[in-house]
Protein backbone atom coordinates (compact mmCIF):
# COMPACT_ATOMS: atom_id res chain seq x y z
CA UNK A 1 -35.97 89.85 15.47
CA UNK A 2 -34.47 90.55 11.99
CA UNK A 3 -31.27 92.22 13.20
CA UNK A 4 -30.24 90.20 15.83
CA UNK A 5 -26.99 88.65 15.03
CA UNK A 6 -24.86 86.87 16.78
CA UNK A 7 -21.67 84.69 15.65
CA UNK A 8 -21.72 80.76 16.23
CA UNK A 9 -18.10 79.61 15.89
CA UNK A 10 -19.59 75.90 15.65
CA UNK A 11 -18.69 73.57 12.98
CA UNK A 12 -21.64 71.36 12.40
CA UNK A 13 -23.15 72.23 8.53
CA UNK A 14 -26.73 72.06 7.96
CA UNK A 15 -26.12 73.52 4.62
CA UNK A 16 -29.72 74.66 3.43
CA UNK A 17 -31.95 77.19 1.60
CA UNK A 18 -31.98 81.10 1.20
CA UNK A 19 -35.25 82.53 0.61
CA UNK A 20 -36.03 86.23 1.78
CA UNK A 21 -34.09 87.52 -0.85
CA UNK A 22 -35.99 86.57 -4.02
CA UNK A 23 -39.36 87.00 -1.79
CA UNK A 24 -40.61 90.03 -3.28
CA UNK A 25 -38.96 89.18 -6.87
CA UNK A 26 -42.30 87.04 -8.22
CA UNK A 27 -44.09 90.14 -9.16
CA UNK A 28 -41.27 91.65 -11.06
CA UNK A 29 -40.75 88.56 -12.97
CA UNK A 30 -43.97 87.56 -14.32
CA UNK A 31 -43.66 91.12 -15.83
CA UNK A 32 -39.75 90.75 -16.76
CA UNK A 33 -38.51 94.07 -14.46
CA UNK A 34 -35.34 93.66 -12.67
CA UNK A 35 -35.07 94.78 -9.20
CA UNK A 36 -32.81 96.99 -8.71
CA UNK A 37 -33.55 97.42 -4.73
CA UNK A 38 -32.77 93.92 -4.71
CA UNK A 39 -29.57 93.42 -6.35
CA UNK A 40 -26.28 95.06 -8.01
CA UNK A 41 -27.24 96.26 -11.32
CA UNK A 42 -24.75 94.09 -13.25
CA UNK A 43 -26.66 90.89 -12.13
CA UNK A 44 -29.57 90.20 -14.17
CA UNK A 45 -32.12 87.67 -12.70
CA UNK A 46 -33.75 87.26 -15.67
CA UNK A 47 -31.94 84.14 -16.61
CA UNK A 48 -33.08 83.23 -13.00
CA UNK A 49 -36.67 83.65 -14.10
CA UNK A 50 -36.37 82.66 -17.41
CA UNK A 51 -35.69 79.19 -15.96
CA UNK A 52 -38.06 78.83 -13.20
CA UNK A 53 -40.96 80.12 -16.51
CA UNK A 54 -39.85 76.68 -17.93
CA UNK A 55 -40.21 74.61 -15.12
CA UNK A 56 -43.23 75.97 -14.47
CA UNK A 57 -44.47 75.57 -17.58
CA UNK A 58 -42.73 71.91 -18.63
CA UNK A 59 -42.30 69.53 -15.91
CA UNK A 60 -44.75 66.81 -16.40
CA UNK A 61 -46.26 66.69 -12.46
CA UNK A 62 -47.55 70.30 -11.59
CA UNK A 63 -48.73 68.58 -7.96
CA UNK A 64 -44.86 68.61 -7.44
CA UNK A 65 -43.92 72.12 -7.91
CA UNK A 66 -43.00 74.05 -4.47
CA UNK A 67 -42.12 78.03 -5.27
CA UNK A 68 -40.63 77.75 -1.75
CA UNK A 69 -38.75 74.87 -2.09
CA UNK A 70 -37.45 76.46 -6.14
CA UNK A 71 -36.68 79.55 -4.53
CA UNK A 72 -34.78 77.95 -1.29
CA UNK A 73 -33.28 75.20 -3.28
CA UNK A 74 -31.66 78.34 -5.83
CA UNK A 75 -30.39 80.23 -2.91
CA UNK A 76 -29.04 76.98 -1.51
CA UNK A 77 -27.27 76.95 -4.71
CA UNK A 78 -25.66 80.19 -4.43
CA UNK A 79 -24.86 79.48 -1.37
CA UNK A 80 -23.00 76.45 -2.23
CA UNK A 81 -21.12 78.46 -4.65
CA UNK A 82 -18.91 79.82 -2.50
CA UNK A 83 -17.03 77.28 -1.89
CA UNK A 84 -17.40 77.55 1.68
CA UNK A 85 -19.13 74.43 3.73
CA UNK A 86 -19.87 76.65 6.66
CA UNK A 87 -21.85 79.55 4.74
CA UNK A 88 -25.08 78.45 4.73
CA UNK A 89 -28.99 79.26 5.09
CA UNK A 90 -31.46 77.33 7.35
CA UNK A 91 -34.77 77.48 6.19
CA UNK A 92 -37.26 78.02 9.31
CA UNK A 93 -37.78 74.07 10.38
CA UNK A 94 -33.77 73.69 10.11
CA UNK A 95 -32.87 76.83 11.88
CA UNK A 96 -35.42 75.72 14.63
CA UNK A 97 -33.45 72.60 14.81
CA UNK A 98 -30.13 74.00 14.79
CA UNK A 99 -31.29 76.29 17.79
CA UNK A 100 -32.22 73.03 19.51
CA UNK A 101 -28.98 71.57 19.46
CA UNK A 102 -27.32 74.35 21.44
CA UNK A 103 -30.04 74.54 23.98
CA UNK A 104 -28.77 70.71 24.59
CA UNK A 105 -31.32 68.47 23.69
CA UNK A 106 -32.75 66.69 20.02
CA UNK A 107 -33.31 63.56 18.73
CA UNK A 108 -30.56 61.30 16.80
CA UNK A 109 -27.31 59.78 17.36
CA UNK A 110 -25.48 62.57 18.97
CA UNK A 111 -22.70 63.42 16.78
CA UNK A 112 -21.02 66.30 14.87
CA UNK A 113 -20.65 66.22 11.23
CA UNK A 114 -18.96 68.28 8.95
CA UNK A 115 -17.04 68.25 5.30
CA UNK A 116 -13.08 67.53 5.87
CA UNK A 117 -11.00 67.34 2.84
CA UNK A 118 -14.27 66.82 0.53
CA UNK A 119 -15.40 63.72 2.85
CA UNK A 120 -17.99 63.73 5.42
CA UNK A 121 -16.52 63.43 8.47
CA UNK A 122 -17.52 62.76 12.35
CA UNK A 123 -15.88 65.55 13.84
CA UNK A 124 -17.28 64.60 17.69
CA UNK A 125 -19.42 61.91 19.07
CA UNK A 126 -20.80 63.65 22.52
CA UNK A 127 -20.49 62.35 25.78
CA UNK A 128 -22.81 59.73 26.80
CA UNK A 129 -24.78 59.47 23.20
CA UNK A 130 -25.79 56.82 21.08
CA UNK A 131 -23.14 57.90 18.70
CA UNK A 132 -20.12 57.60 21.43
CA UNK A 133 -21.75 54.44 22.94
CA UNK A 134 -21.22 52.61 19.24
CA UNK A 135 -17.71 53.50 19.16
CA UNK A 136 -18.21 56.02 16.68
CA UNK A 137 -14.80 58.34 16.87
CA UNK A 138 -13.56 61.61 15.79
CA UNK A 139 -12.36 61.38 12.51
CA UNK A 140 -14.23 58.89 11.23
CA UNK A 141 -15.26 59.52 7.38
CA UNK A 142 -19.04 58.75 6.63
CA UNK A 143 -19.15 56.27 3.24
CA UNK A 144 -22.69 55.33 3.66
CA UNK A 145 -25.99 56.17 5.57
CA UNK A 146 -28.27 53.25 5.54
CA UNK A 147 -26.98 51.91 2.43
CA UNK A 148 -26.55 55.38 0.02
CA UNK A 149 -23.02 56.90 -0.79
CA UNK A 150 -22.55 60.32 0.51
CA UNK A 151 -19.96 61.28 -1.77
CA UNK A 152 -20.65 64.75 -2.66
CA UNK A 153 -23.32 64.62 -0.39
CA UNK A 154 -24.07 67.90 1.42
CA UNK A 155 -24.18 68.15 5.22
CA UNK A 156 -27.82 68.70 5.20
CA UNK A 157 -28.54 65.86 3.52
CA UNK A 158 -26.69 63.71 5.46
CA UNK A 159 -27.89 65.23 9.04
CA UNK A 160 -31.39 64.46 7.60
CA UNK A 161 -31.04 60.82 6.80
CA UNK A 162 -29.07 60.30 10.28
CA UNK A 163 -31.48 62.10 12.42
CA UNK A 164 -34.34 60.30 13.02
CA UNK A 165 -37.17 59.56 15.94
CA UNK A 166 -35.72 57.93 19.39
CA UNK A 167 -35.79 53.74 19.23
CA UNK A 168 -35.04 53.75 15.28
CA UNK A 169 -32.09 52.47 13.50
CA UNK A 170 -29.62 54.04 11.36
CA UNK A 171 -26.64 52.50 9.48
CA UNK A 172 -23.24 53.67 8.97
CA UNK A 173 -20.69 52.50 6.94
CA UNK A 174 -17.27 53.91 8.59
CA UNK A 175 -14.00 54.58 7.49
CA UNK A 176 -10.93 54.49 9.85
CA UNK A 177 -7.40 55.37 9.50
CA UNK A 178 -5.90 52.24 11.23
CA UNK A 179 -9.10 49.86 9.44
CA UNK A 180 -8.12 47.74 6.67
CA UNK A 181 -11.58 47.82 5.45
CA UNK A 182 -14.46 50.00 5.92
CA UNK A 183 -17.39 48.78 8.75
CA UNK A 184 -21.31 49.14 9.36
CA UNK A 185 -22.08 49.65 12.49
CA UNK A 186 -25.65 50.04 13.48
CA UNK A 187 -26.49 52.86 16.09
CA UNK A 188 -30.14 52.84 17.74
CA UNK A 189 -31.14 57.23 18.36
CA UNK A 190 -31.82 58.34 21.11
CA UNK A 191 -33.15 61.48 22.99
CA UNK A 192 -29.63 63.68 23.21
CA UNK A 193 -29.01 65.71 26.25
CA UNK A 194 -25.89 66.86 26.47
CA UNK A 195 -24.75 68.50 29.91
CA UNK A 196 -22.26 71.98 29.07
CA UNK A 197 -19.83 70.35 31.38
CA UNK A 198 -18.46 68.11 34.49
CA UNK A 199 -15.61 68.49 37.36
CA UNK A 200 -14.72 66.20 39.72
CA UNK A 201 -11.56 66.03 42.04
CA UNK A 202 -8.69 63.70 41.40
CA UNK A 203 -5.41 63.41 43.36
CA UNK A 204 -6.34 64.94 45.70
CA UNK A 205 -5.74 68.51 44.76
CA UNK A 206 -6.63 68.87 40.93
CA UNK A 207 -9.65 69.74 39.59
CA UNK A 208 -10.33 67.78 36.09
CA UNK A 209 -12.39 70.10 34.39
CA UNK A 210 -14.34 68.54 31.10
CA UNK A 211 -16.27 71.16 28.61
CA UNK A 212 -18.57 69.36 25.91
CA UNK A 213 -19.50 72.26 24.04
CA UNK A 214 -19.82 75.86 24.50
CA UNK A 215 -23.74 76.02 24.59
CA UNK A 216 -25.86 79.19 26.04
CA UNK A 217 -25.95 76.84 29.88
CA UNK A 218 -22.21 76.73 29.52
CA UNK A 219 -21.81 79.87 31.55
CA UNK A 220 -23.95 79.35 34.40
CA UNK A 221 -22.63 75.80 34.85
CA UNK A 222 -19.16 76.93 34.89
CA UNK A 223 -20.05 79.48 37.49
CA UNK A 224 -21.27 76.78 39.58
CA UNK A 225 -18.42 74.96 39.25
CA UNK A 226 -16.03 77.28 39.01
CA UNK A 227 -17.30 78.36 43.06
CA UNK A 228 -16.83 74.92 44.08
CA UNK A 229 -13.36 74.59 42.99
CA UNK A 230 -12.67 77.40 44.33
CA UNK A 231 -13.57 76.24 47.73
CA UNK A 232 -12.25 72.53 47.10
CA UNK A 233 -8.46 71.58 47.77
CA UNK A 234 -8.01 72.05 43.78
CA UNK A 235 -4.36 73.62 43.42
CA UNK A 236 -4.16 72.31 39.46
CA UNK A 237 -6.31 72.25 36.48
CA UNK A 238 -6.69 69.71 34.02
CA UNK A 239 -8.77 71.27 31.27
CA UNK A 240 -10.29 68.64 28.83
CA UNK A 241 -11.36 69.90 25.63
CA UNK A 242 -11.65 66.97 23.47
CA UNK A 243 -14.19 66.26 21.64
CA UNK A 244 -15.40 69.56 22.32
CA UNK A 245 -17.29 70.76 18.36
CA UNK A 246 -17.44 74.40 19.60
CA UNK A 247 -20.48 76.79 20.02
CA UNK A 248 -21.03 80.46 20.93
CA UNK A 249 -17.92 82.99 20.79
CA UNK A 250 -19.29 84.97 23.69
CA UNK A 251 -19.49 81.51 25.81
CA UNK A 252 -15.83 81.11 24.63
CA UNK A 253 -14.56 84.64 25.72
CA UNK A 254 -16.71 84.31 29.11
CA UNK A 255 -14.82 80.97 29.97
CA UNK A 256 -11.42 82.04 28.72
CA UNK A 257 -11.89 85.13 31.29
CA UNK A 258 -11.70 82.60 34.49
CA UNK A 259 -8.08 81.56 33.23
CA UNK A 260 -6.82 84.88 31.79
CA UNK A 261 -6.25 88.12 33.52
CA UNK A 262 -8.47 90.87 32.33
CA UNK A 263 -7.61 92.53 29.55
CA UNK A 264 -5.77 89.75 27.82
CA UNK A 265 -6.14 88.85 24.06
CA UNK A 266 -7.95 85.21 23.53
CA UNK A 267 -8.06 85.57 19.93
CA UNK A 268 -8.46 87.97 16.79
CA UNK A 269 -10.69 88.32 14.34
CA UNK A 270 -9.26 88.81 11.02
CA UNK A 271 -10.94 89.83 7.83
CA UNK A 272 -8.62 89.59 5.68
CA UNK A 273 -9.55 92.50 3.29
CA UNK A 274 -7.85 95.46 4.24
CA UNK A 275 -10.91 96.36 6.78
CA UNK A 276 -9.05 96.37 10.84
CA UNK A 277 -8.78 92.67 12.83
CA UNK A 278 -10.75 92.78 15.82
CA UNK A 279 -9.37 91.71 19.23
CA UNK A 280 -11.37 89.83 21.38
CA UNK A 281 -9.94 90.20 25.33
CA UNK A 282 -10.72 88.13 28.15
CA UNK A 283 -13.52 89.36 30.32
CA UNK A 284 -14.18 87.89 33.86
CA UNK A 285 -12.48 87.11 37.51
CA UNK A 286 -9.25 85.43 36.37
CA UNK A 287 -9.65 83.10 39.54
CA UNK A 288 -8.34 80.22 37.93
CA UNK A 289 -5.28 82.42 36.11
CA UNK A 290 -2.53 81.35 38.84
CA UNK A 291 -3.64 77.81 38.78
CA UNK A 292 -0.97 75.15 36.96
CA UNK A 293 -2.94 74.23 33.89
CA UNK A 294 -3.10 71.55 31.30
CA UNK A 295 -4.98 70.76 28.18
CA UNK A 296 -6.63 68.36 26.88
CA UNK A 297 -7.15 68.42 22.79
CA UNK A 298 -7.71 66.26 20.12
CA UNK A 299 -9.76 65.87 16.56
CA UNK A 300 -12.66 66.84 17.91
CA UNK A 301 -11.64 69.91 19.63
CA UNK A 302 -12.89 72.76 17.29
CA UNK A 303 -13.50 76.17 16.94
CA UNK A 304 -14.18 77.56 20.52
CA UNK A 305 -12.43 75.04 21.94
CA UNK A 306 -9.34 75.36 19.73
CA UNK A 307 -9.53 79.24 20.97
CA UNK A 308 -9.12 78.73 24.27
CA UNK A 309 -6.34 76.34 24.00
CA UNK A 310 -4.62 78.47 21.71
CA UNK A 311 -5.17 81.45 24.44
CA UNK A 312 -3.99 79.67 27.13
CA UNK A 313 -1.20 78.32 25.31
CA UNK A 314 -0.20 81.71 23.78
CA UNK A 315 -0.63 83.73 27.08
CA UNK A 316 0.03 81.58 29.66
CA UNK A 317 2.19 78.80 27.96
CA UNK A 318 0.20 76.43 29.05
CA UNK A 319 1.00 72.67 27.45
CA UNK A 320 -1.47 71.13 24.93
CA UNK A 321 -1.62 67.23 25.75
CA UNK A 322 -3.24 64.81 22.81
CA UNK A 323 -3.82 64.77 19.20
CA UNK A 324 -4.09 67.85 16.46
CA UNK A 325 -7.37 69.79 16.46
CA UNK A 326 -9.91 69.97 13.82
CA UNK A 327 -8.49 73.16 12.54
CA UNK A 328 -12.63 75.67 12.70
CA UNK A 329 -10.87 78.73 12.34
CA UNK A 330 -13.87 80.75 10.98
CA UNK A 331 -15.88 82.94 12.35
CA UNK A 332 -20.17 82.60 11.01
CA UNK A 333 -22.38 85.54 11.60
CA UNK A 334 -25.96 84.95 12.06
CA UNK A 335 -27.99 86.80 10.72
CA UNK A 336 -31.83 86.04 11.64
CA UNK A 337 -34.82 86.48 8.99
CA UNK A 338 -38.40 87.58 9.51
CA UNK A 339 -40.07 83.75 8.31
CA UNK A 340 -37.74 82.14 10.97
CA UNK A 341 -35.03 81.52 8.57
CA UNK A 342 -31.52 82.62 8.79
CA UNK A 343 -28.11 83.37 7.11
CA UNK A 344 -25.09 81.78 8.59
CA UNK A 345 -21.85 83.75 6.40
CA UNK A 346 -18.51 83.21 7.04
CA UNK A 347 -17.08 86.49 7.72
CA UNK A 348 -13.82 86.16 9.15
CA UNK A 349 -11.29 83.78 9.98
CA UNK A 350 -9.37 83.44 13.67
CA UNK A 351 -6.22 83.84 14.91
CA UNK A 352 -4.20 83.05 18.02
CA UNK A 353 -3.30 85.78 20.44
CA UNK A 354 0.00 85.43 18.79
CA UNK A 355 -1.29 85.74 15.09
CA UNK A 356 -1.22 81.68 14.14
CA UNK A 357 -4.11 80.57 11.82
CA UNK A 358 -6.36 77.98 13.29
CA UNK A 359 -8.84 77.81 10.01
CA UNK A 360 -7.70 74.55 8.32
CA UNK A 361 -4.88 74.17 10.20
CA UNK A 362 -5.71 73.19 13.47
CA UNK A 363 -3.17 73.07 17.00
CA UNK A 364 -0.44 70.39 17.32
CA UNK A 365 -0.03 69.65 20.74
CA UNK A 366 2.87 69.81 22.78
CA UNK A 367 2.43 66.67 23.83
CA UNK A 368 1.19 64.25 20.95
CA UNK A 369 -0.69 60.84 22.66
CA UNK A 370 -2.51 58.75 20.89
CA UNK A 371 -5.86 57.13 21.87
CA UNK A 372 -6.10 53.64 19.85
CA UNK A 373 -9.58 51.90 19.76
CA UNK A 374 -7.97 48.94 22.54
CA UNK A 375 -7.24 52.19 24.75
CA UNK A 376 -11.56 52.68 24.63
CA UNK A 377 -11.67 48.96 24.50
CA UNK A 378 -10.05 48.35 27.67
CA UNK A 379 -11.54 51.86 29.55
CA UNK A 380 -7.57 53.39 29.39
CA UNK A 381 -6.96 57.16 28.87
CA UNK A 382 -3.35 57.45 28.34
CA UNK A 383 -3.94 61.42 26.78
CA UNK A 384 -5.27 61.86 30.65
CA UNK A 385 -2.79 59.46 32.40
CA UNK A 386 0.19 62.19 30.85
CA UNK A 387 -2.05 65.00 31.43
CA UNK A 388 -2.03 64.38 35.48
CA UNK A 389 1.82 63.18 35.29
CA UNK A 390 2.84 66.91 33.66
CA UNK A 391 0.35 68.57 36.13
CA UNK A 392 1.93 66.97 39.31
CA UNK A 393 5.36 68.79 37.94
CA UNK A 394 3.69 72.10 37.77
CA UNK A 395 4.14 74.65 40.67
């Protein structure tokens, strides 16, 4: 398991700790010997051990000293020092929780959160969850959690505060651009079970496909839906990637293979340090490559959904309708470690097939349509209405 690596392109941030690096160091520290097999020779870890020994000797409540937590905390600081909110270490508990998220079931409110412009932000409320039912929207800024100020709060701290047992409440103080003042929103936590996608036939011959996240279940679910669509009267497709926070690169690559011809580029992994870029190509049957298609996006469309949207626009000139996407264009590689923890490291940036960067920029829609609070209240969807209007005129 220690050598297993998977690329995750999802913006959920759980910044925790990194423990294994120092795991064998205690013996050497006590005798003030630097472990040269653990680090480059120009790094002197004596400062770390000096600080540790002072805490051990001087802290008023020795019962609260937990060596494992000290190590995790130190390495968490090391990850933080990179200034990259997507490079993080997950201790065994948080690692298990992260994997559970991607499996599609967990307890909480059902919203992806991340740091955007140094502010704790709702990336996407997930379909059918307490967060969505409470009216949270992509781009909402969380100012307080149960009265605690989120300034300088890490995503890990925020997630731990927001999550909890089903049936319990959490109060989020939310600021939204169109509001004059922030508002408290009380949300009752629940068991979150996320479907990977759904589809339905609209206007007689338009397959409306809504992908919620690029999780482990999506390839099977999409294959099942794809066969149904191929045997249906559908001749055109509206692909809805709104509030889709992403998931696994491998899944995005597989789904792209339905919409593009085999071998077409879906994204380029650029390392930016002189190393050769890696090009990812569509792998699949291309069953929908001839179907006129329109893609819906918004501020909650991130990572894998941005890659798919960019690939369809660059390769097939598919129109994007809605709002500018989130701009999560970096790739994290996951390294599993022996104690059940893992290290998630940003290793590259994503480019669209035409070479445009997604990171911190996002994708501008070809047709910009806002979705207001009043639209949501009135159960109207002008973005979907516009996509259907466009697709009707495509051959």
